[in-house]
Amino acid sequence: MIHPMIMKCKSGKLIVKNSEFEKDPRPILWCRDGLYGVIPIEVIRNEIGHLEDLRKLEISSPLVFHWRSVVEIPQETGRAMEKCNGKS
């Protein structure tokens, strides 16, 4: 099982600046003021591909995700995933 990267952000836009994340992408569990959503790995890979295209044009940009791109999950599920992250 691929454990998600847990990110907490109160706004509707999540900015990820970690270049290591681009080398080994994982789903993101986004915690937003008591709401939980998962950004699927496919969405992340698409965004990384978009960044690679921008870099070819010599444009630098972080990974940016919007709340509308998450799959919302119940609070109980999000809390359980957050608590058990990385534990087998």
PDB file of N, CA and C in Angstrom:
ATOM      1  N   MET A   1       0.831  -1.181   0.000  1.00  0.00           N
ATOM      2  CA  MET A   1       0.000   0.000   0.000  1.00  0.00           C
ATOM      3  C   MET A   1       0.874   1.242   0.000  1.00  0.00           C
ATOM      4  N   ILE A   2       0.517   2.204  -0.808  1.00  0.00           N
ATOM      5  CA  ILE A   2       1.241   3.470  -0.846  1.00  0.00           C
ATOM      6  C   ILE A   2       0.607   4.404   0.181  1.00  0.00           C
ATOM      7  N   HIS A   3       1.381   4.799   1.170  1.00  0.00           N
ATOM      8  CA  HIS A   3       0.866   5.697   2.184  1.00  0.00           C
ATOM      9  C   HIS A   3       0.884   7.125   1.638  1.00  0.00           C
ATOM     10  N   PRO A   4      -0.191   7.865   1.849  1.00  0.00           N
ATOM     11  CA  PRO A   4      -0.244   9.226   1.312  1.00  0.00           C
ATOM     12  C   PRO A   4       0.642  10.186   2.092  1.00  0.00           C
ATOM     13  N   MET A   5       1.028  11.247   1.412  1.00  0.00           N
ATOM     14  CA  MET A   5       1.711  12.351   2.072  1.00  0.00           C
ATOM     15  C   MET A   5       0.609  13.175   2.735  1.00  0.00           C
ATOM     16  N   ILE A   6       0.764  13.501   3.991  1.00  0.00           N
ATOM     17  CA  ILE A   6      -0.251  14.274   4.706  1.00  0.00           C
ATOM     18  C   ILE A   6       0.128  15.745   4.655  1.00  0.00           C
ATOM     19  N   MET A   7      -0.814  16.546   4.174  1.00  0.00           N
ATOM     20  CA  MET A   7      -0.591  17.985   4.077  1.00  0.00           C
ATOM     21  C   MET A   7      -1.758  18.682   4.759  1.00  0.00           C
ATOM     22  N   LYS A   8      -1.465  19.730   5.508  1.00  0.00           N
ATOM     23  CA  LYS A   8      -2.510  20.524   6.154  1.00  0.00           C
ATOM     24  C   LYS A   8      -2.455  21.931   5.580  1.00  0.00           C
ATOM     25  N   CYS A   9      -3.614  22.383   5.125  1.00  0.00           N
ATOM     26  CA  CYS A   9      -3.698  23.713   4.528  1.00  0.00           C
ATOM     27  C   CYS A   9      -5.135  24.188   4.664  1.00  0.00           C
ATOM     28  N   LYS A  10      -5.317  25.400   5.154  1.00  0.00           N
ATOM     29  CA  LYS A  10      -6.665  25.917   5.392  1.00  0.00           C
ATOM     30  C   LYS A  10      -7.295  26.548   4.150  1.00  0.00           C
ATOM     31  N   SER A  11      -6.488  26.952   3.205  1.00  0.00           N
ATOM     32  CA  SER A  11      -7.054  27.599   2.025  1.00  0.00           C
ATOM     33  C   SER A  11      -7.511  26.562   1.005  1.00  0.00           C
ATOM     34  N   GLY A  12      -8.110  27.016  -0.061  1.00  0.00           N
ATOM     35  CA  GLY A  12      -8.588  26.125  -1.118  1.00  0.00           C
ATOM     36  C   GLY A  12      -7.519  25.790  -2.135  1.00  0.00           C
ATOM     37  N   LYS A  13      -6.275  26.263  -1.877  1.00  0.00           N
ATOM     38  CA  LYS A  13      -5.160  25.988  -2.787  1.00  0.00           C
ATOM     39  C   LYS A  13      -3.995  25.435  -1.987  1.00  0.00           C
ATOM     40  N   LEU A  14      -3.458  24.314  -2.426  1.00  0.00           N
ATOM     41  CA  LEU A  14      -2.338  23.659  -1.757  1.00  0.00           C
ATOM     42  C   LEU A  14      -1.112  23.774  -2.648  1.00  0.00           C
ATOM     43  N   ILE A  15      -0.034  24.314  -2.105  1.00  0.00           N
ATOM     44  CA  ILE A  15       1.208  24.490  -2.862  1.00  0.00           C
ATOM     45  C   ILE A  15       2.256  23.560  -2.283  1.00  0.00           C
ATOM     46  N   VAL A  16       2.837  22.717  -3.146  1.00  0.00           N
ATOM     47  CA  VAL A  16       3.863  21.750  -2.733  1.00  0.00           C
ATOM     48  C   VAL A  16       5.160  22.134  -3.421  1.00  0.00           C
ATOM     49  N   LYS A  17       6.171  22.468  -2.627  1.00  0.00           N
ATOM     50  CA  LYS A  17       7.453  22.918  -3.174  1.00  0.00           C
ATOM     51  C   LYS A  17       8.555  21.870  -3.071  1.00  0.00           C
ATOM     52  N   ASN A  18       8.248  20.705  -2.557  1.00  0.00           N
ATOM     53  CA  ASN A  18       9.243  19.667  -2.307  1.00  0.00           C
ATOM     54  C   ASN A  18       9.633  18.959  -3.608  1.00  0.00           C
ATOM     55  N   SER A  19      10.853  19.176  -4.087  1.00  0.00           N
ATOM     56  CA  SER A  19      11.288  18.553  -5.340  1.00  0.00           C
ATOM     57  C   SER A  19      11.460  17.037  -5.191  1.00  0.00           C
ATOM     58  N   GLU A  20      11.742  16.553  -3.968  1.00  0.00           N
ATOM     59  CA  GLU A  20      11.835  15.103  -3.745  1.00  0.00           C
ATOM     60  C   GLU A  20      10.500  14.431  -4.025  1.00  0.00           C
ATOM     61  N   PHE A  21       9.428  15.122  -3.734  1.00  0.00           N
ATOM     62  CA  PHE A  21       8.091  14.599  -3.965  1.00  0.00           C
ATOM     63  C   PHE A  21       7.871  14.318  -5.452  1.00  0.00           C
ATOM     64  N   GLU A  22       8.453  15.147  -6.310  1.00  0.00           N
ATOM     65  CA  GLU A  22       8.305  14.958  -7.757  1.00  0.00           C
ATOM     66  C   GLU A  22       8.994  13.674  -8.220  1.00  0.00           C
ATOM     67  N   LYS A  23      10.073  13.286  -7.548  1.00  0.00           N
ATOM     68  CA  LYS A  23      10.806  12.075  -7.932  1.00  0.00           C
ATOM     69  C   LYS A  23      10.076  10.807  -7.500  1.00  0.00           C
ATOM     70  N   ASP A  24       9.376  10.883  -6.377  1.00  0.00           N
ATOM     71  CA  ASP A  24       8.663   9.731  -5.829  1.00  0.00           C
ATOM     72  C   ASP A  24       7.261  10.173  -5.396  1.00  0.00           C
ATOM     73  N   PRO A  25       6.382  10.447  -6.374  1.00  0.00           N
ATOM     74  CA  PRO A  25       5.058  10.970  -6.003  1.00  0.00           C
ATOM     75  C   PRO A  25       4.200   9.949  -5.276  1.00  0.00           C
ATOM     76  N   ARG A  26       3.393  10.452  -4.364  1.00  0.00           N
ATOM     77  CA  ARG A  26       2.431   9.641  -3.604  1.00  0.00           C
ATOM     78  C   ARG A  26       1.114  10.404  -3.570  1.00  0.00           C
ATOM     79  N   PRO A  27       0.027   9.717  -3.296  1.00  0.00           N
ATOM     80  CA  PRO A  27      -1.229  10.440  -3.110  1.00  0.00           C
ATOM     81  C   PRO A  27      -1.075  11.416  -1.936  1.00  0.00           C
ATOM     82  N   ILE A  28      -1.912  12.425  -1.914  1.00  0.00           N
ATOM     83  CA  ILE A  28      -1.870  13.402  -0.827  1.00  0.00           C
ATOM     84  C   ILE A  28      -3.173  13.325  -0.046  1.00  0.00           C
ATOM     85  N   LEU A  29      -3.054  13.225   1.273  1.00  0.00           N
ATOM     86  CA  LEU A  29      -4.202  13.362   2.161  1.00  0.00           C
ATOM     87  C   LEU A  29      -4.182  14.818   2.616  1.00  0.00           C
ATOM     88  N   TRP A  30      -5.150  15.587   2.162  1.00  0.00           N
ATOM     89  CA  TRP A  30      -5.215  17.020   2.444  1.00  0.00           C
ATOM     90  C   TRP A  30      -6.199  17.237   3.579  1.00  0.00           C
ATOM     91  N   CYS A  31      -5.710  17.810   4.668  1.00  0.00           N
ATOM     92  CA  CYS A  31      -6.542  18.142   5.820  1.00  0.00           C
ATOM     93  C   CYS A  31      -6.827  19.647   5.745  1.00  0.00           C
ATOM     94  N   ARG A  32      -8.101  19.995   5.648  1.00  0.00           N
ATOM     95  CA  ARG A  32      -8.483  21.401   5.480  1.00  0.00           C
ATOM     96  C   ARG A  32      -9.606  21.754   6.451  1.00  0.00           C
ATOM     97  N   ASP A  33      -9.245  22.326   7.583  1.00  0.00           N
ATOM     98  CA  ASP A  33     -10.230  22.765   8.578  1.00  0.00           C
ATOM     99  C   ASP A  33     -11.278  21.714   8.896  1.00  0.00           C
ATOM    100  N   GLY A  34     -10.856  20.517   9.214  1.00  0.00           N
ATOM    101  CA  GLY A  34     -11.784  19.456   9.589  1.00  0.00           C
ATOM    102  C   GLY A  34     -12.319  18.658   8.412  1.00  0.00           C
ATOM    103  N   LEU A  35     -12.049  19.106   7.196  1.00  0.00           N
ATOM    104  CA  LEU A  35     -12.419  18.355   6.001  1.00  0.00           C
ATOM    105  C   LEU A  35     -11.219  17.539   5.556  1.00  0.00           C
ATOM    106  N   TYR A  36     -11.472  16.411   4.934  1.00  0.00           N
ATOM    107  CA  TYR A  36     -10.392  15.573   4.430  1.00  0.00           C
ATOM    108  C   TYR A  36     -10.655  15.242   2.970  1.00  0.00           C
ATOM    109  N   GLY A  37      -9.605  15.264   2.197  1.00  0.00           N
ATOM    110  CA  GLY A  37      -9.711  14.879   0.799  1.00  0.00           C
ATOM    111  C   GLY A  37      -8.418  14.215   0.358  1.00  0.00           C
ATOM    112  N   VAL A  38      -8.530  13.358  -0.629  1.00  0.00           N
ATOM    113  CA  VAL A  38      -7.366  12.675  -1.185  1.00  0.00           C
ATOM    114  C   VAL A  38      -7.158  13.177  -2.604  1.00  0.00           C
ATOM    115  N   ILE A  39      -5.921  13.544  -2.908  1.00  0.00           N
ATOM    116  CA  ILE A  39      -5.565  13.874  -4.285  1.00  0.00           C
ATOM    117  C   ILE A  39      -4.953  12.605  -4.864  1.00  0.00           C
ATOM    118  N   PRO A  40      -5.622  12.001  -5.847  1.00  0.00           N
ATOM    119  CA  PRO A  40      -5.135  10.735  -6.410  1.00  0.00           C
ATOM    120  C   PRO A  40      -3.782  10.892  -7.104  1.00  0.00           C
ATOM    121  N   ILE A  41      -3.040   9.818  -7.136  1.00  0.00           N
ATOM    122  CA  ILE A  41      -1.711   9.820  -7.743  1.00  0.00           C
ATOM    123  C   ILE A  41      -1.762  10.231  -9.215  1.00  0.00           C
ATOM    124  N   GLU A  42      -2.850   9.903  -9.913  1.00  0.00           N
ATOM    125  CA  GLU A  42      -2.974  10.269 -11.330  1.00  0.00           C
ATOM    126  C   GLU A  42      -3.012  11.785 -11.501  1.00  0.00           C
ATOM    127  N   VAL A  43      -3.719  12.470 -10.606  1.00  0.00           N
ATOM    128  CA  VAL A  43      -3.792  13.930 -10.653  1.00  0.00           C
ATOM    129  C   VAL A  43      -2.412  14.527 -10.384  1.00  0.00           C
ATOM    130  N   ILE A  44      -1.695  13.935  -9.447  1.00  0.00           N
ATOM    131  CA  ILE A  44      -0.353  14.421  -9.108  1.00  0.00           C
ATOM    132  C   ILE A  44       0.605  14.216 -10.274  1.00  0.00           C
ATOM    133  N   ARG A  45       0.568  13.048 -10.882  1.00  0.00           N
ATOM    134  CA  ARG A  45       1.448  12.787 -12.031  1.00  0.00           C
ATOM    135  C   ARG A  45       1.143  13.730 -13.189  1.00  0.00           C
ATOM    136  N   ASN A  46      -0.130  14.035 -13.421  1.00  0.00           N
ATOM    137  CA  ASN A  46      -0.492  14.989 -14.472  1.00  0.00           C
ATOM    138  C   ASN A  46       0.090  16.365 -14.183  1.00  0.00           C
ATOM    139  N   GLU A  47       0.012  16.790 -12.925  1.00  0.00           N
ATOM    140  CA  GLU A  47       0.552  18.095 -12.552  1.00  0.00           C
ATOM    141  C   GLU A  47       2.075  18.116 -12.688  1.00  0.00           C
ATOM    142  N   ILE A  48       2.737  17.021 -12.341  1.00  0.00           N
ATOM    143  CA  ILE A  48       4.192  16.937 -12.501  1.00  0.00           C
ATOM    144  C   ILE A  48       4.552  17.020 -13.985  1.00  0.00           C
ATOM    145  N   GLY A  49       3.778  16.347 -14.828  1.00  0.00           N
ATOM    146  CA  GLY A  49       4.008  16.430 -16.277  1.00  0.00           C
ATOM    147  C   GLY A  49       3.846  17.845 -16.783  1.00  0.00           C
ATOM    148  N   HIS A  50       2.854  18.554 -16.265  1.00  0.00           N
ATOM    149  CA  HIS A  50       2.643  19.952 -16.645  1.00  0.00           C
ATOM    150  C   HIS A  50       3.849  20.806 -16.234  1.00  0.00           C
ATOM    151  N   LEU A  51       4.372  20.556 -15.026  1.00  0.00           N
ATOM    152  CA  LEU A  51       5.553  21.299 -14.565  1.00  0.00           C
ATOM    153  C   LEU A  51       6.762  21.039 -15.446  1.00  0.00           C
ATOM    154  N   GLU A  52       6.931  19.790 -15.885  1.00  0.00           N
ATOM    155  CA  GLU A  52       8.056  19.462 -16.766  1.00  0.00           C
ATOM    156  C   GLU A  52       7.951  20.227 -18.077  1.00  0.00           C
ATOM    157  N   ASP A  53       6.735  20.369 -18.598  1.00  0.00           N
ATOM    158  CA  ASP A  53       6.526  21.156 -19.815  1.00  0.00           C
ATOM    159  C   ASP A  53       6.888  22.623 -19.582  1.00  0.00           C
ATOM    160  N   LEU A  54       6.499  23.173 -18.431  1.00  0.00           N
ATOM    161  CA  LEU A  54       6.834  24.561 -18.110  1.00  0.00           C
ATOM    162  C   LEU A  54       8.344  24.756 -17.977  1.00  0.00           C
ATOM    163  N   ARG A  55       9.006  23.778 -17.398  1.00  0.00           N
ATOM    164  CA  ARG A  55      10.465  23.887 -17.223  1.00  0.00           C
ATOM    165  C   ARG A  55      11.182  23.906 -18.568  1.00  0.00           C
ATOM    166  N   LYS A  56      10.638  23.211 -19.555  1.00  0.00           N
ATOM    167  CA  LYS A  56      11.217  23.250 -20.898  1.00  0.00           C
ATOM    168  C   LYS A  56      11.158  24.666 -21.468  1.00  0.00           C
ATOM    169  N   LEU A  57      10.173  25.431 -21.031  1.00  0.00           N
ATOM    170  CA  LEU A  57      10.030  26.826 -21.436  1.00  0.00           C
ATOM    171  C   LEU A  57      10.748  27.765 -20.477  1.00  0.00           C
ATOM    172  N   GLU A  58      11.517  27.168 -19.555  1.00  0.00           N
ATOM    173  CA  GLU A  58      12.279  27.901 -18.548  1.00  0.00           C
ATOM    174  C   GLU A  58      11.381  28.707 -17.606  1.00  0.00           C
ATOM    175  N   ILE A  59      10.246  28.118 -17.273  1.00  0.00           N
ATOM    176  CA  ILE A  59       9.315  28.715 -16.313  1.00  0.00           C
ATOM    177  C   ILE A  59       9.334  27.845 -15.064  1.00  0.00           C
ATOM    178  N   SER A  60       9.607  28.460 -13.930  1.00  0.00           N
ATOM    179  CA  SER A  60       9.667  27.728 -12.666  1.00  0.00           C
ATOM    180  C   SER A  60       8.353  27.897 -11.908  1.00  0.00           C
ATOM    181  N   SER A  61       7.842  26.789 -11.371  1.00  0.00           N
ATOM    182  CA  SER A  61       6.583  26.834 -10.643  1.00  0.00           C
ATOM    183  C   SER A  61       6.518  25.655  -9.680  1.00  0.00           C
ATOM    184  N   PRO A  62       5.885  25.848  -8.505  1.00  0.00           N
ATOM    185  CA  PRO A  62       5.671  24.713  -7.595  1.00  0.00           C
ATOM    186  C   PRO A  62       4.462  23.904  -8.069  1.00  0.00           C
ATOM    187  N   LEU A  63       4.241  22.762  -7.441  1.00  0.00           N
ATOM    188  CA  LEU A  63       3.024  21.991  -7.694  1.00  0.00           C
ATOM    189  C   LEU A  63       1.873  22.709  -6.993  1.00  0.00           C
ATOM    190  N   VAL A  64       0.779  22.921  -7.699  1.00  0.00           N
ATOM    191  CA  VAL A  64      -0.372  23.613  -7.132  1.00  0.00           C
ATOM    192  C   VAL A  64      -1.606  22.749  -7.343  1.00  0.00           C
ATOM    193  N   PHE A  65      -2.339  22.516  -6.261  1.00  0.00           N
ATOM    194  CA  PHE A  65      -3.576  21.737  -6.313  1.00  0.00           C
ATOM    195  C   PHE A  65      -4.694  22.577  -5.717  1.00  0.00           C
ATOM    196  N   HIS A  66      -5.896  22.367  -6.232  1.00  0.00           N
ATOM    197  CA  HIS A  66      -7.075  23.077  -5.732  1.00  0.00           C
ATOM    198  C   HIS A  66      -8.007  22.066  -5.076  1.00  0.00           C
ATOM    199  N   TRP A  67      -8.751  22.548  -4.090  1.00  0.00           N
ATOM    200  CA  TRP A  67      -9.645  21.660  -3.345  1.00  0.00           C
ATOM    201  C   TRP A  67     -10.593  20.923  -4.284  1.00  0.00           C
ATOM    202  N   ARG A  68     -10.975  21.538  -5.380  1.00  0.00           N
ATOM    203  CA  ARG A  68     -11.907  20.897  -6.314  1.00  0.00           C
ATOM    204  C   ARG A  68     -11.324  19.634  -6.956  1.00  0.00           C
ATOM    205  N   SER A  69     -10.009  19.432  -6.841  1.00  0.00           N
ATOM    206  CA  SER A  69      -9.389  18.241  -7.437  1.00  0.00           C
ATOM    207  C   SER A  69      -9.289  17.071  -6.462  1.00  0.00           C
ATOM    208  N   VAL A  70      -9.780  17.246  -5.225  1.00  0.00           N
ATOM    209  CA  VAL A  70      -9.706  16.161  -4.248  1.00  0.00           C
ATOM    210  C   VAL A  70     -10.926  15.260  -4.340  1.00  0.00           C
ATOM    211  N   VAL A  71     -10.752  14.069  -3.834  1.00  0.00           N
ATOM    212  CA  VAL A  71     -11.869  13.160  -3.607  1.00  0.00           C
ATOM    213  C   VAL A  71     -12.136  13.275  -2.113  1.00  0.00           C
ATOM    214  N   GLU A  72     -13.254  13.918  -1.757  1.00  0.00           N
ATOM    215  CA  GLU A  72     -13.552  14.113  -0.341  1.00  0.00           C
ATOM    216  C   GLU A  72     -13.867  12.779   0.317  1.00  0.00           C
ATOM    217  N   ILE A  73     -13.380  12.643   1.552  1.00  0.00           N
ATOM    218  CA  ILE A  73     -13.619  11.421   2.321  1.00  0.00           C
ATOM    219  C   ILE A  73     -14.195  11.807   3.678  1.00  0.00           C
ATOM    220  N   PRO A  74     -14.874  10.878   4.354  1.00  0.00           N
ATOM    221  CA  PRO A  74     -15.436  11.177   5.678  1.00  0.00           C
ATOM    222  C   PRO A  74     -14.332  11.528   6.692  1.00  0.00           C
ATOM    223  N   GLN A  75     -14.692  12.363   7.672  1.00  0.00           N
ATOM    224  CA  GLN A  75     -13.731  12.765   8.697  1.00  0.00           C
ATOM    225  C   GLN A  75     -13.121  11.575   9.412  1.00  0.00           C
ATOM    226  N   GLU A  76     -13.938  10.599   9.745  1.00  0.00           N
ATOM    227  CA  GLU A  76     -13.439   9.433  10.469  1.00  0.00           C
ATOM    228  C   GLU A  76     -12.365   8.706   9.655  1.00  0.00           C
ATOM    229  N   THR A  77     -12.595   8.596   8.369  1.00  0.00           N
ATOM    230  CA  THR A  77     -11.627   7.922   7.494  1.00  0.00           C
ATOM    231  C   THR A  77     -10.343   8.738   7.411  1.00  0.00           C
ATOM    232  N   GLY A  78     -10.482  10.047   7.239  1.00  0.00           N
ATOM    233  CA  GLY A  78      -9.310  10.922   7.161  1.00  0.00           C
ATOM    234  C   GLY A  78      -8.482  10.885   8.436  1.00  0.00           C
ATOM    235  N   ARG A  79      -9.162  10.910   9.581  1.00  0.00           N
ATOM    236  CA  ARG A  79      -8.438  10.850  10.864  1.00  0.00           C
ATOM    237  C   ARG A  79      -7.718   9.518  11.028  1.00  0.00           C
ATOM    238  N   ALA A  80      -8.378   8.441  10.622  1.00  0.00           N
ATOM    239  CA  ALA A  80      -7.752   7.122  10.728  1.00  0.00           C
ATOM    240  C   ALA A  80      -6.525   7.028   9.816  1.00  0.00           C
ATOM    241  N   MET A  81      -6.641   7.551   8.595  1.00  0.00           N
ATOM    242  CA  MET A  81      -5.512   7.537   7.679  1.00  0.00           C
ATOM    243  C   MET A  81      -4.363   8.384   8.219  1.00  0.00           C
ATOM    244  N   GLU A  82      -4.697   9.513   8.798  1.00  0.00           N
ATOM    245  CA  GLU A  82      -3.684  10.402   9.364  1.00  0.00           C
ATOM    246  C   GLU A  82      -2.980   9.721  10.540  1.00  0.00           C
ATOM    247  N   LYS A  83      -3.747   9.078  11.388  1.00  0.00           N
ATOM    248  CA  LYS A  83      -3.194   8.410  12.573  1.00  0.00           C
ATOM    249  C   LYS A  83      -2.312   7.223  12.212  1.00  0.00           C
ATOM    250  N   CYS A  84      -2.728   6.448  11.212  1.00  0.00           N
ATOM    251  CA  CYS A  84      -2.034   5.213  10.851  1.00  0.00           C
ATOM    252  C   CYS A  84      -1.008   5.389   9.742  1.00  0.00           C
ATOM    253  N   ASN A  85      -0.801   6.583   9.269  1.00  0.00           N
ATOM    254  CA  ASN A  85       0.105   6.805   8.142  1.00  0.00           C
ATOM    255  C   ASN A  85       1.504   6.276   8.446  1.00  0.00           C
ATOM    256  N   GLY A  86       1.987   5.457   7.542  1.00  0.00           N
ATOM    257  CA  GLY A  86       3.334   4.910   7.682  1.00  0.00           C
ATOM    258  C   GLY A  86       3.440   3.698   8.558  1.00  0.00           C
ATOM    259  N   LYS A  87       2.356   3.312   9.218  1.00  0.00           N
ATOM    260  CA  LYS A  87       2.384   2.129  10.083  1.00  0.00           C
ATOM    261  C   LYS A  87       1.797   0.953   9.329  1.00  0.00           C
ATOM    262  N   SER A  88       2.455  -0.167   9.375  1.00  0.00           N
ATOM    263  CA  SER A  88       1.953  -1.357   8.678  1.00  0.00           C
ATOM    264  C   SER A  88       1.134  -2.215   9.584  1.00  0.00           C
TER     265      SER A  88
END
